[in-house]
Protein backbone atom coordinates (compact mmCIF):
# COMPACT_ATOMS: atom_id res chain seq x y z
CA MET A 1 121.66 108.48 105.63
CA PRO A 2 120.97 110.78 108.63
CA PHE A 3 119.47 108.21 111.21
CA PRO A 4 121.35 105.06 110.06
CA ASN A 5 119.37 103.10 112.88
CA ILE A 6 115.99 104.37 112.20
CA LEU A 7 114.80 101.07 110.55
CA GLU A 8 116.06 98.93 113.42
CA ARG A 9 114.30 101.45 115.95
CA PHE A 10 111.28 100.96 113.92
CA LEU A 11 111.18 97.11 113.67
CA SER A 12 112.28 96.97 117.64
CA TYR A 13 108.51 98.88 117.92
CA VAL A 14 106.88 96.41 115.67
CA ARG A 15 108.10 93.57 117.73
CA VAL A 16 106.56 95.04 121.22
CA ASP A 17 103.58 93.27 122.02
CA THR A 18 101.16 96.13 122.75
CA GLN A 19 97.93 94.37 121.94
CA SER A 20 94.72 96.13 123.73
CA SER A 21 92.03 94.62 125.60
CA GLU A 22 88.45 94.86 125.03
CA SER A 23 87.49 93.40 128.46
CA SER A 24 89.60 95.81 130.14
CA GLU A 25 88.14 98.86 132.42
CA THR A 26 91.47 100.66 132.48
CA PHE A 27 92.77 103.10 130.17
CA PRO A 28 95.22 102.18 128.33
CA SER A 29 93.38 98.92 127.96
CA THR A 30 97.03 96.40 128.87
CA ALA A 31 100.02 97.66 131.07
CA LYS A 32 101.92 96.46 127.69
CA GLN A 33 101.27 100.06 126.16
CA ILE A 34 102.66 101.87 128.96
CA HIS A 35 106.19 99.84 128.54
CA LEU A 36 106.02 100.89 125.19
CA ALA A 37 105.31 104.89 125.89
CA LEU A 38 107.86 104.35 128.57
CA GLN A 39 110.50 103.03 125.90
CA LEU A 40 110.01 105.91 123.56
CA LYS A 41 110.22 108.26 126.26
CA LYS A 42 113.77 107.54 127.06
CA GLU A 43 114.81 107.50 123.31
CA LEU A 44 112.98 110.76 122.90
CA GLU A 45 115.05 112.18 126.02
CA GLU A 46 118.21 110.88 124.37
CA LEU A 47 117.35 112.78 121.51
CA GLY A 48 117.31 115.77 122.85
CA LEU A 49 113.42 116.27 123.21
CA GLN A 50 111.89 118.66 125.97
CA ASP A 51 109.22 118.03 128.44
CA VAL A 52 109.02 114.36 127.70
CA MET A 53 106.69 112.84 129.54
CA VAL A 54 103.96 109.59 129.93
CA ASN A 55 100.55 110.94 131.60
CA GLU A 56 98.50 108.79 133.58
CA TRP A 57 96.17 107.54 130.55
CA GLY A 58 99.84 106.12 128.68
CA TYR A 59 99.72 109.37 126.61
CA LEU A 60 103.34 110.55 125.29
CA LEU A 61 103.84 114.15 124.85
CA ALA A 62 107.59 115.87 124.20
CA THR A 63 108.52 119.13 122.74
CA LEU A 64 110.74 119.23 119.74
CA ALA A 65 112.13 123.04 119.42
CA GLY A 66 111.63 124.46 116.17
CA ASN A 67 114.85 125.68 114.23
CA GLN A 68 113.25 128.63 112.20
CA LYS A 69 113.92 131.93 113.60
CA HIS A 70 110.51 133.50 112.78
CA LYS A 71 107.58 132.81 114.21
CA SER A 72 105.74 129.18 112.82
CA PRO A 73 103.16 127.18 113.49
CA THR A 74 103.17 124.01 116.27
CA ILE A 75 102.59 120.48 114.61
CA ALA A 76 101.29 117.54 116.54
CA LEU A 77 102.31 113.80 115.66
CA LEU A 78 99.76 111.56 116.68
CA ALA A 79 99.86 107.58 116.84
CA HIS A 80 98.25 104.38 118.45
CA LEU A 81 100.50 102.65 120.73
CA ASP A 82 98.12 99.83 120.86
CA THR A 83 97.38 96.96 118.48
CA SER A 84 94.02 95.38 117.95
CA PRO A 85 92.77 92.75 120.10
CA ASP A 86 91.67 90.44 117.00
CA VAL A 87 95.44 90.00 116.30
CA ALA A 88 97.79 88.75 118.71
CA GLY A 89 100.63 90.90 119.94
CA THR A 90 103.30 88.58 120.64
CA ASN A 91 105.91 86.93 118.39
CA VAL A 92 105.24 89.32 115.84
CA HIS A 93 108.24 88.81 112.98
CA PRO A 94 108.30 91.56 110.51
CA VAL A 95 109.43 91.03 106.85
CA LEU A 96 110.83 94.04 105.03
CA HIS A 97 110.00 93.55 101.04
CA PRO A 98 112.62 95.30 98.66
CA ILE A 99 110.84 97.90 96.27
CA THR A 100 110.68 96.74 92.63
CA THR A 101 109.31 98.66 89.73
CA ALA A 102 106.68 95.56 89.58
CA ALA A 103 105.67 96.22 92.98
CA THR A 104 104.93 99.76 93.22
CA SER A 105 104.63 102.76 91.28
CA CYS A 106 106.44 105.18 93.76
CA SER A 107 109.65 106.66 92.48
CA VAL A 108 111.87 105.54 94.97
CA LYS A 109 114.78 103.23 93.27
CA PRO A 110 114.16 99.73 93.26
CA SER A 111 117.56 99.00 95.37
CA ARG A 112 116.02 100.89 98.24
CA TRP A 113 113.35 99.42 100.95
CA CYS A 114 110.02 100.72 101.66
CA TYR A 115 109.17 101.80 105.22
CA GLY A 116 105.44 102.51 104.41
CA TRP A 117 103.03 100.16 106.82
CA THR A 118 101.19 99.21 103.34
CA ARG A 119 105.01 97.17 102.75
CA ILE A 120 105.22 95.78 106.22
CA ARG A 121 103.98 92.35 106.42
CA CYS A 122 103.77 90.89 110.01
CA CYS A 123 103.14 87.07 110.67
CA GLY A 124 103.07 86.77 107.09
CA LYS A 125 99.35 89.08 106.70
CA ARG A 126 99.52 92.32 105.31
CA ARG A 127 99.10 95.29 107.70
CA ALA A 128 97.41 98.81 106.17
C-alpha cells in the first residue's frame, strides 16, 4: 500500500470536533475549525506541498506541483472542515465495516475496507 497510514490519518480527522455554530457572528463560526485547518496545514507541509497557508476565514490552501512534462490543467480540491451544528462533534467514534458481497455491489474484494463516507458510521448513525 503506497500510503500505509492513510486510514489512521482519516480517522484522526473524523474524531476532531469541528461542530459549527448557527449563533456565531464569526467566520468560521468556531475556532475548532481553525484547529483542524492548522493540523492539516502542518501535515501538508510535511508531505512537501508548497504555498501552504490558512487564511483569516479558515480556508486551507496548498499547491501540489504537477508531474507532467506538458502543460496540464490546474485541479482544485474542496472540502468542508466543519460539521453540522445539529449533530454533536465530541466523542465521535468511527466504525469501519468490512465490505461483503451482500453489503455492496462494488468490485472491491470483500477482504478490503471501504473508505467511502457512506460506509463510515459515527456514533451508530450513518453519515452520507
